[in-house]
Protein backbone atom coordinates (compact mmCIF):
# COMPACT_ATOMS: atom_id res chain seq x y z
CA UNK A 1 9.97 -3.56 14.15
CA UNK A 2 9.33 -5.19 10.50
CA UNK A 3 7.32 -7.65 9.97
CA UNK A 4 9.97 -10.00 8.68
CA UNK A 5 12.17 -9.42 12.16
CA UNK A 6 11.94 -11.92 14.96
CA UNK A 7 11.58 -8.87 17.34
CA UNK A 8 8.04 -8.41 15.69
CA UNK A 9 7.10 -12.07 17.00
CA UNK A 10 8.53 -11.37 20.14
CA UNK A 11 5.49 -8.96 20.27
CA UNK A 12 3.22 -10.91 18.80
CA UNK A 13 3.35 -14.15 20.12
CA UNK A 14 2.64 -13.19 23.97
CA UNK A 15 0.36 -10.58 22.62
CA UNK A 16 -1.60 -13.27 20.65
CA UNK A 17 -1.34 -15.48 23.34
CA UNK A 18 -3.07 -13.41 26.16
CA UNK A 19 -5.80 -11.60 23.93
CA UNK A 20 -7.19 -15.17 23.54
CA UNK A 21 -7.05 -15.82 27.77
CA UNK A 22 -8.46 -12.70 28.11
CA UNK A 23 -12.31 -12.80 28.28
CA UNK A 24 -13.36 -9.06 28.72
CA UNK A 25 -13.38 -7.35 25.63
CA UNK A 26 -12.36 -3.95 27.33
CA UNK A 27 -9.21 -5.71 28.69
CA UNK A 28 -8.19 -7.36 24.89
CA UNK A 29 -8.73 -4.04 23.55
CA UNK A 30 -6.39 -2.54 25.85
CA UNK A 31 -4.16 -4.85 25.34
CA UNK A 32 -4.56 -4.38 21.63
CA UNK A 33 -3.60 -0.57 21.92
CA UNK A 34 -0.97 -1.16 24.18
CA UNK A 35 0.69 -3.59 21.90
CA UNK A 36 0.19 -1.59 18.93
CA UNK A 37 1.29 1.20 20.88
CA UNK A 38 4.73 -0.13 21.23
CA UNK A 39 5.18 -1.80 17.46
CA UNK A 40 4.86 2.57 16.76
CA UNK A 41 7.33 3.39 18.94
CA UNK A 42 9.92 0.79 18.57
CA UNK A 43 10.80 2.74 15.44
CA UNK A 44 10.41 6.01 16.71
CA UNK A 45 9.17 6.52 20.09
CA UNK A 46 8.48 10.56 20.00
CA UNK A 47 6.23 9.70 17.12
CA UNK A 48 3.52 7.83 19.53
CA UNK A 49 2.70 11.53 20.94
CA UNK A 50 1.79 11.98 17.43
CA UNK A 51 -0.34 9.01 17.10
CA UNK A 52 -2.39 9.31 20.30
CA UNK A 53 -3.20 13.63 19.81
CA UNK A 54 -4.62 12.74 16.00
CA UNK A 55 -6.42 9.85 17.91
CA UNK A 56 -7.71 12.45 20.66
CA UNK A 57 -8.71 14.78 18.32
CA UNK A 58 -10.70 12.69 15.85
CA UNK A 59 -12.98 11.08 18.45
CA UNK A 60 -13.17 14.60 19.92
CA UNK A 61 -14.12 15.28 16.30
CA UNK A 62 -16.34 12.79 15.60
CA UNK A 63 -18.17 13.26 19.00
CA UNK A 64 -19.23 16.54 17.85
CA UNK A 65 -20.21 15.95 14.64
CA UNK A 66 -22.58 13.32 16.12
CA UNK A 67 -24.49 16.02 18.06
CA UNK A 68 -24.26 18.78 15.82
CA UNK A 69 -23.71 18.24 12.02
CA UNK A 70 -21.44 20.98 10.71
CA UNK A 71 -19.77 21.27 7.18
CA UNK A 72 -17.24 24.14 9.27
CA UNK A 73 -16.35 21.14 12.09
CA UNK A 74 -15.57 18.75 9.29
CA UNK A 75 -13.44 21.09 7.16
CA UNK A 76 -11.57 21.62 9.90
CA UNK A 77 -11.57 18.61 10.78
CA UNK A 78 -9.92 17.38 7.15
CA UNK A 79 -7.56 20.57 7.40
CA UNK A 80 -6.16 19.31 10.50
CA UNK A 81 -5.37 16.08 9.64
CA UNK A 82 -4.20 17.21 5.98
CA UNK A 83 -1.73 20.06 7.46
CA UNK A 84 0.06 17.17 9.77
CA UNK A 85 0.39 15.09 6.30
CA UNK A 86 1.49 18.68 4.54
CA UNK A 87 4.14 19.38 7.27
CA UNK A 88 5.97 15.87 7.69
CA UNK A 89 5.69 14.76 4.09
CA UNK A 90 5.44 17.84 1.66
CA UNK A 91 6.98 20.92 3.24
CA UNK A 92 10.65 20.19 2.31
CA UNK A 93 9.95 19.64 -0.91
CA UNK A 94 7.87 22.68 -1.30
CA UNK A 95 10.75 24.43 0.48
CA UNK A 96 12.84 23.03 -1.94
CA UNK A 97 10.74 23.86 -5.32
CA UNK A 98 10.11 27.14 -3.92
CA UNK A 99 14.43 28.05 -3.38
CA UNK A 100 14.64 26.54 -7.31
CA UNK A 101 11.86 28.84 -8.77
CA UNK A 102 13.36 31.80 -6.58
CA UNK A 103 16.40 31.29 -8.03
CA UNK A 104 15.76 31.29 -11.48
CA UNK A 105 14.16 34.67 -11.18
CA UNK A 106 17.06 35.82 -9.47
CA UNK A 107 15.42 36.54 -6.17
CA UNK A 108 18.63 36.15 -3.37
CA UNK A 109 15.21 35.27 -0.80
CA UNK A 110 15.18 31.60 0.33
CA UNK A 111 12.65 29.88 2.23
CA UNK A 112 13.40 27.86 5.40
CA UNK A 113 13.47 24.26 4.72
CA UNK A 114 12.04 22.01 7.64
CA UNK A 115 13.98 18.92 8.66
CA UNK A 116 13.09 16.11 7.22
CA UNK A 117 11.55 13.49 9.08
CA UNK A 118 8.32 11.17 8.00
CA UNK A 119 6.74 9.09 11.19
CA UNK A 120 5.72 5.63 9.72
CA UNK A 121 2.74 5.25 8.34
CA UNK A 122 1.16 9.24 8.68
CA UNK A 123 -0.09 8.80 4.73
CA UNK A 124 -2.44 5.49 5.42
CA UNK A 125 -3.70 6.75 8.80
CA UNK A 126 -4.70 10.11 7.74
CA UNK A 127 -6.47 8.74 4.82
CA UNK A 128 -8.57 6.37 7.30
CA UNK A 129 -9.42 9.27 10.05
CA UNK A 130 -10.21 11.37 7.26
CA UNK A 131 -12.57 8.99 5.32
CA UNK A 132 -13.95 8.18 9.17
CA UNK A 133 -14.60 12.14 9.49
CA UNK A 134 -16.77 12.27 6.07
CA UNK A 135 -18.71 9.08 7.03
CA UNK A 136 -19.66 10.56 10.23
CA UNK A 137 -20.39 13.53 8.91
CA UNK A 138 -22.88 11.95 5.91
CA UNK A 139 -24.25 10.09 8.83
CA UNK A 140 -23.29 7.08 6.94
CA UNK A 141 -21.72 5.46 10.13
CA UNK A 142 -22.57 6.91 13.65
CA UNK A 143 -19.39 8.38 15.56
CA UNK A 144 -18.02 5.61 18.03
CA UNK A 145 -19.00 6.68 21.66
CA UNK A 146 -15.79 4.38 22.94
CA UNK A 147 -12.46 6.03 23.34
CA UNK A 148 -10.86 2.71 23.41
CA UNK A 149 -12.29 1.10 20.24
CA UNK A 150 -11.63 4.15 18.31
CA UNK A 151 -7.91 4.53 19.17
CA UNK A 152 -7.64 0.45 18.42
CA UNK A 153 -9.44 1.44 14.86
CA UNK A 154 -7.19 4.43 14.37
CA UNK A 155 -4.00 2.19 15.87
CA UNK A 156 -4.11 -1.56 15.27
CA UNK A 157 -0.82 -2.51 14.37
CA UNK A 158 -1.34 -5.23 11.45
CA UNK A 159 -2.38 -2.31 9.62
CA UNK A 160 -1.52 0.65 10.82
CA UNK A 161 2.00 1.76 8.93
CA UNK A 162 0.81 0.82 5.23
CA UNK A 163 -2.69 -0.48 5.09
CA UNK A 164 -4.77 -2.07 4.32
CA UNK A 165 -6.77 1.05 4.81
CA UNK A 166 -9.63 -0.03 7.05
CA UNK A 167 -13.16 1.82 6.87
CA UNK A 168 -14.64 2.50 10.43
CA UNK A 169 -18.31 0.76 9.10
CA UNK A 170 -16.55 -2.38 8.36
CA UNK A 171 -13.97 -2.39 11.53
CA UNK A 172 -15.61 -0.99 14.19
CA UNK A 173 -18.46 -3.03 14.61
CA UNK A 174 -15.97 -6.19 14.84
CA UNK A 175 -14.64 -4.61 18.25
CA UNK A 176 -18.05 -4.17 20.25
CA UNK A 177 -17.86 -7.79 21.54
CA UNK A 178 -15.54 -10.45 22.29
CA UNK A 179 -14.44 -12.76 19.51
CA UNK A 180 -14.72 -16.10 19.69
CA UNK A 181 -11.46 -17.92 18.79
CA UNK A 182 -12.48 -20.12 15.65
CA UNK A 183 -9.60 -22.67 14.63
CA UNK A 184 -10.35 -22.45 10.98
CA UNK A 185 -10.21 -18.71 10.93
CA UNK A 186 -7.01 -19.17 13.08
CA UNK A 187 -5.40 -21.70 10.52
CA UNK A 188 -6.26 -19.64 7.63
CA UNK A 189 -4.62 -16.76 9.46
CA UNK A 190 -1.30 -18.45 10.13
CA UNK A 191 -1.18 -19.76 6.20
CA UNK A 192 -1.65 -15.63 5.67
CA UNK A 193 1.01 -15.12 7.71
CA UNK A 194 3.63 -17.42 5.77
CA UNK A 195 2.40 -16.32 2.60
CA UNK A 196 3.20 -13.07 3.29
CA UNK A 197 6.54 -14.06 4.38
CA UNK A 198 7.24 -15.95 1.85
CA UNK A 199 6.71 -13.29 -0.64
CA UNK A 200 8.52 -10.95 0.70
CA UNK A 201 11.45 -12.31 1.58
CA UNK A 202 11.69 -15.34 -0.95
CA UNK A 203 11.18 -13.29 -3.53
CA UNK A 204 10.97 -9.34 -2.91
CA UNK A 205 13.97 -9.37 -1.10
CA UNK A 206 15.86 -11.39 -4.18
CA UNK A 207 14.09 -9.35 -6.93
CA UNK A 208 15.62 -6.04 -4.69
CA UNK A 209 18.80 -7.11 -5.87
CA UNK A 210 18.41 -7.70 -9.16
CA UNK A 211 15.96 -3.70 -9.07
CA UNK A 212 18.60 -1.80 -6.96
CA UNK A 213 21.32 -2.59 -9.20
CA UNK A 214 20.02 -1.65 -12.54
CA UNK A 215 18.50 1.65 -10.85
CA UNK A 216 21.69 2.44 -9.36
CA UNK A 217 23.42 3.29 -12.92
CA UNK A 218 20.89 2.73 -15.43
CA UNK A 219 23.38 3.88 -18.07
CA UNK A 220 25.64 1.43 -17.80
CA UNK A 221 22.86 -1.38 -18.51
CA UNK A 222 22.33 -3.00 -21.94
CA UNK A 223 18.62 -2.70 -23.43
CA UNK A 224 17.99 -6.24 -22.47
CA UNK A 225 19.24 -5.69 -19.07
CA UNK A 226 17.46 -2.51 -18.50
CA UNK A 227 14.07 -4.22 -19.67
CA UNK A 228 14.87 -7.27 -17.10
CA UNK A 229 15.52 -4.68 -14.37
CA UNK A 230 12.54 -2.95 -14.88
CA UNK A 231 10.65 -6.04 -14.66
CA UNK A 232 12.49 -7.26 -11.30
CA UNK A 233 11.20 -3.88 -9.74
CA UNK A 234 7.76 -4.34 -11.33
CA UNK A 235 7.51 -7.93 -9.32
CA UNK A 236 9.46 -6.94 -6.44
CA UNK A 237 6.71 -3.78 -5.51
CA UNK A 238 4.09 -6.34 -6.33
CA UNK A 239 5.53 -9.00 -4.08
CA UNK A 240 6.63 -6.84 -1.74
CA UNK A 241 3.26 -5.05 -1.03
CA UNK A 242 1.39 -8.10 -1.49
CA UNK A 243 3.19 -9.89 1.08
CA UNK A 244 2.68 -6.98 3.63
CA UNK A 245 -0.61 -7.00 3.02
CA UNK A 246 -0.94 -10.65 2.86
CA UNK A 247 0.75 -10.21 6.41
CA UNK A 248 -1.34 -8.13 7.66
CA UNK A 249 -4.98 -9.83 6.89
CA UNK A 250 -3.41 -12.93 8.59
CA UNK A 251 -2.59 -11.47 11.83
CA UNK A 252 -5.76 -9.48 12.18
CA UNK A 253 -7.08 -13.41 11.18
CA UNK A 254 -4.76 -14.69 14.29
CA UNK A 255 -6.86 -11.75 16.40
CA UNK A 256 -10.27 -12.61 15.11
CA UNK A 257 -10.41 -9.64 13.05
CA UNK A 258 -10.97 -9.50 9.43
CA UNK A 259 -9.00 -7.26 7.44
CA UNK A 260 -9.88 -6.72 3.45
CA UNK A 261 -7.16 -8.17 0.76
CA UNK A 262 -5.48 -5.38 -0.76
CA UNK A 263 -4.51 -7.68 -4.05
CA UNK A 264 -6.04 -9.33 -6.77
CA UNK A 265 -3.22 -10.53 -9.36
CA UNK A 266 -3.07 -7.06 -10.58
CA UNK A 267 -0.95 -8.18 -13.53
CA UNK A 268 -3.56 -9.98 -14.83
CA UNK A 269 -5.61 -7.08 -15.72
CA UNK A 270 -6.98 -6.18 -19.01
CA UNK A 271 -6.85 -2.50 -19.01
CA UNK A 272 -5.76 -0.08 -16.26
CA UNK A 273 -9.00 0.47 -15.07
CA UNK A 274 -9.26 -3.07 -14.32
CA UNK A 275 -5.62 -2.85 -12.75
CA UNK A 276 -6.96 -0.75 -10.20
CA UNK A 277 -9.59 -2.48 -9.24
CA UNK A 278 -6.73 -5.46 -8.05
CA UNK A 279 -4.05 -3.16 -7.39
CA UNK A 280 -3.95 -1.49 -3.60
CA UNK A 281 -7.96 -2.44 -3.66
CA UNK A 282 -8.64 -0.10 -0.27
CA UNK A 283 -6.59 2.72 -1.59
CA UNK A 284 -8.05 2.78 -5.26
CA UNK A 285 -11.61 2.43 -3.15
CA UNK A 286 -10.45 5.57 -0.89
CA UNK A 287 -9.59 8.16 -4.07
CA UNK A 288 -12.79 6.69 -5.83
CA UNK A 289 -15.07 7.54 -2.77
CA UNK A 290 -13.55 11.06 -1.57
CA UNK A 291 -11.71 12.24 -4.50
CA UNK A 292 -13.19 10.92 -7.76
CA UNK A 293 -17.03 11.16 -6.79
CA UNK A 294 -16.13 14.67 -4.78
CA UNK A 295 -14.91 16.05 -7.98
CA UNK A 296 -17.97 15.12 -10.50
CA UNK A 297 -17.22 11.57 -11.17
CA UNK A 298 -18.02 10.51 -14.15
CA UNK A 299 -20.85 13.14 -14.64
CA UNK A 300 -18.73 15.78 -15.64
CA UNK A 301 -15.25 16.85 -16.34
CA UNK A 302 -14.47 12.75 -16.40
CA UNK A 303 -10.98 13.51 -18.03
CA UNK A 304 -10.00 16.18 -15.74
CA UNK A 305 -11.30 14.44 -12.86
CA UNK A 306 -9.30 11.56 -13.30
CA UNK A 307 -5.73 13.67 -13.91
CA UNK A 308 -6.41 15.20 -10.87
CA UNK A 309 -7.39 12.26 -8.77
CA UNK A 310 -4.39 10.10 -10.01
CA UNK A 311 -1.98 13.12 -9.81
CA UNK A 312 -3.34 13.29 -6.16
CA UNK A 313 -2.52 9.24 -5.75
CA UNK A 314 0.81 10.20 -7.01
CA UNK A 315 1.66 12.91 -4.82
CA UNK A 316 0.32 10.58 -1.58
CA UNK A 317 3.33 7.86 -2.80
CA UNK A 318 5.74 10.30 -2.14
CA UNK A 319 7.05 14.07 -2.36
CA UNK A 320 8.37 14.45 -5.93
CA UNK A 321 7.81 15.08 -9.43
CA UNK A 322 8.27 11.53 -10.51
CA UNK A 323 5.45 10.63 -8.39
CA UNK A 324 3.57 13.33 -9.94
CA UNK A 325 4.36 12.45 -12.97
CA UNK A 326 3.53 8.73 -12.62
CA UNK A 327 0.21 9.86 -11.45
CA UNK A 328 -0.86 11.99 -14.27
CA UNK A 329 0.46 9.35 -16.81
CA UNK A 330 -2.02 6.80 -15.41
CA UNK A 331 -4.86 9.62 -15.30
CA UNK A 332 -4.12 9.90 -18.89
CA UNK A 333 -4.36 6.72 -19.68
CA UNK A 334 -7.35 5.76 -17.84
CA UNK A 335 -9.24 9.07 -19.79
CA UNK A 336 -8.02 7.40 -23.07
CA UNK A 337 -9.76 3.79 -22.32
CA UNK A 338 -12.58 6.15 -21.21
CA UNK A 339 -12.88 7.46 -24.46
CA UNK A 340 -12.31 4.09 -26.40
CA UNK A 341 -14.86 2.13 -24.62
CA UNK A 342 -17.44 2.93 -27.58
CA UNK A 343 -15.22 1.55 -29.83
CA UNK A 344 -16.22 -2.40 -30.93
CA UNK A 345 -14.33 -5.12 -28.71
CA UNK A 346 -12.90 -8.51 -29.46
CA UNK A 347 -13.60 -10.54 -26.26
CA UNK A 348 -11.70 -13.60 -27.52
CA UNK A 349 -9.37 -15.19 -25.06
CA UNK A 350 -6.50 -14.45 -27.71
CA UNK A 351 -7.42 -10.91 -27.73
CA UNK A 352 -7.54 -10.62 -24.02
CA UNK A 353 -4.07 -12.14 -23.59
CA UNK A 354 -2.77 -9.66 -26.01
CA UNK A 355 -4.37 -6.65 -23.43
CA UNK A 356 -2.74 -8.39 -20.46
CA UNK A 357 0.49 -8.25 -21.88
CA UNK A 358 0.28 -4.61 -23.26
CA UNK A 359 -1.30 -3.21 -19.94
CA UNK A 360 1.66 -5.10 -18.38
CA UNK A 361 4.15 -3.10 -20.47
CA UNK A 362 2.53 -0.16 -20.02
CA UNK A 363 2.37 -0.57 -16.11
CA UNK A 364 6.19 -1.00 -15.75
CA UNK A 365 7.58 1.79 -18.51
CA UNK A 366 5.25 3.91 -15.74
CA UNK A 367 7.25 1.81 -12.63
CA UNK A 368 10.22 3.70 -13.90
CA UNK A 369 8.80 7.17 -12.63
CA UNK A 370 7.59 5.54 -9.43
CA UNK A 371 11.65 4.33 -8.58
CA UNK A 372 13.88 6.43 -10.10
CA UNK A 373 14.29 9.54 -7.13
CA UNK A 374 14.96 11.97 -10.22
CA UNK A 375 13.25 12.97 -13.43
CA UNK A 376 16.92 12.85 -14.68
CA UNK A 377 17.47 9.26 -13.28
CA UNK A 378 14.18 8.47 -15.03
CA UNK A 379 15.34 10.07 -17.53
CA UNK A 380 18.59 8.06 -18.47
CA UNK A 381 16.39 4.74 -17.71
CA UNK A 382 14.30 5.68 -20.32
CA UNK A 383 17.25 5.93 -22.77
CA UNK A 384 18.40 2.40 -22.14
CA UNK A 385 14.68 1.21 -22.34
CA UNK A 386 14.13 2.48 -25.40
CA UNK A 387 16.72 4.30 -27.61
CA UNK A 388 19.50 2.55 -29.57
CA UNK A 389 22.22 0.41 -29.23
CA UNK A 390 19.94 -2.04 -28.82
CA UNK A 391 22.35 -4.96 -27.04
CA UNK A 392 21.90 -8.06 -24.84
CA UNK A 393 24.29 -8.43 -22.69
CA UNK A 394 25.17 -8.53 -18.60
CA UNK A 395 21.85 -10.01 -18.41
CA UNK A 396 21.67 -12.10 -14.85
CA UNK A 397 20.44 -15.53 -16.26
CA UNK A 398 18.92 -16.58 -13.10
CA UNK A 399 16.83 -13.55 -13.25
CA UNK A 400 14.56 -15.07 -15.79
CA UNK A 401 13.59 -17.86 -13.60
CA UNK A 402 12.55 -16.02 -10.96
CA UNK A 403 10.38 -13.70 -12.77
CA UNK A 404 9.05 -16.93 -14.66
CA UNK A 405 8.49 -19.33 -11.86
CA UNK A 406 6.54 -15.98 -9.90
CA UNK A 407 4.21 -14.84 -12.76
CA UNK A 408 3.45 -18.47 -13.12
CA UNK A 409 1.77 -18.96 -9.55
CA UNK A 410 0.47 -15.45 -8.90
CA UNK A 411 -2.83 -16.51 -9.48
CA UNK A 412 -2.73 -19.92 -7.97
CA UNK A 413 -1.15 -18.68 -4.53
CA UNK A 414 -4.04 -15.93 -4.74
CA UNK A 415 -6.54 -18.70 -4.76
CA UNK A 416 -5.90 -19.64 -1.87
CA UNK A 417 -5.55 -16.99 0.07
CA UNK A 418 -9.78 -16.10 0.08
CA UNK A 419 -12.42 -17.72 1.28
CA UNK A 420 -10.23 -20.02 3.46
CA UNK A 421 -9.50 -22.43 0.09
CA UNK A 422 -6.16 -23.25 1.98
CA UNK A 423 -7.89 -24.98 4.59
CA UNK A 424 -10.00 -26.89 2.54
CA UNK A 425 -6.86 -28.74 0.87
CA UNK A 426 -6.11 -31.35 1.16
CA UNK A 427 -3.61 -31.72 4.60
CA UNK A 428 -0.85 -33.05 2.26
CA UNK A 429 -1.26 -30.09 -0.12
CA UNK A 430 -1.08 -27.88 2.79
CA UNK A 431 1.94 -29.06 3.90
CA UNK A 432 3.32 -28.95 0.50
CA UNK A 433 2.85 -25.46 0.05
CA UNK A 434 3.82 -24.58 4.09
CA UNK A 435 7.34 -26.29 3.39
CA UNK A 436 7.96 -24.35 0.18
CA UNK A 437 7.12 -20.98 2.04
CA UNK A 438 9.28 -21.99 4.49
CA UNK A 439 12.42 -23.43 2.33
CA UNK A 440 11.80 -19.61 0.82
CA UNK A 441 11.91 -17.64 4.23
CA UNK A 442 14.69 -19.93 5.32
CA UNK A 443 16.53 -19.49 2.24
CA UNK A 444 16.44 -16.15 1.37
CA UNK A 445 16.45 -14.49 4.75
CA UNK A 446 19.65 -13.07 4.79
CA UNK A 447 18.35 -10.38 2.52
CA UNK A 448 16.77 -8.46 4.65
CA UNK A 449 15.28 -5.57 2.83
CA UNK A 450 12.90 -3.10 4.38
CA UNK A 451 9.02 -2.77 3.58
CA UNK A 452 8.92 0.01 0.21
CA UNK A 453 5.61 1.45 1.73
CA UNK A 454 6.72 1.90 5.00
CA UNK A 455 8.40 5.25 3.07
CA UNK A 456 4.59 6.39 2.08
């Protein structure tokens, strides 16, 4: 059940209407849990049992931690959650690599390969409950006493599958008492949903056609065609996930619940460190708080900590060597940036624009590893980008317009998404922006491409 489908809105609209009609908080929470289970089970109903088991397990362990703080219990809880993620996402990858290594060594033994099935959103909700267990252990938050509230925290459908990764200290207090209907928040939530749909359907799904064609057979591309296809993918990925995250925050706002924004014009970053403060913000914070700092952070072995953290971030995105190398590339770049902080810096506008362009180019080059299913295909794509012959034939001209327009409007669009700025605009401007979004949605509704991060 995709956010950009009529089926989803057939679930959302009656749920939303009934939610605001119910005066009792327990009834509202029960309704949200029921809707979340329907949403999650629509894709693969047996996965609902996995979700319920993890809810019951993590609630129970949290309550046990509240009575007696135990490092062993925390380790067991983290290991149990990671083991589920490991089995569904990485067991086949490890089996394939072990079989490859055994074959090279001439050993006839074959490691059984488990069947491939990846429950939707398992990477996201696993990280969410691991953070909860660690925060309860640290006494940063109290363990949730209500199983119903904890279940809604764990399964709230707008952010269940692809984030943003919600922290318990920010979300659970919102579930304590019934929210009052606020017309301005509801209005702003509708705008976020509309913008997210327009980004997904009118931008990401259009660019996906060019990006998929480019990565299907990279050796047939011209040099300019390869670069243009790469830019198409870079903006497709950005618009796709920015669109999903914006819709998730908007849906939360419709229910009177605040979710964190996940993007802040990352392609305007003048350093890679700044890029990761703007891209997939909740995941970046998670890796900083629960991996990087635990490894020692900036206090010791900073370069190694960065490499390990970003390699794990790459592996989190997908079970494949291209993702690992993509993460290591970011870790190495971040490490070099940290070492260069002592060099004299220029602070004028031209220098910043040059740095933004350089960071964007570097991020796009690493996106090749993120998009290519194999290292061989990534190598083929890099060969068309960086090696002769340098030709410029076969580039679809209309793609330039899409890329230029989206690059120009990303900042003013992001400006309207924060602090209810859209609601404060003149009514005529609100209608104009809404009509542009509606046009993009209706004009390109036939593309129907899945959200990229649903597979992570």
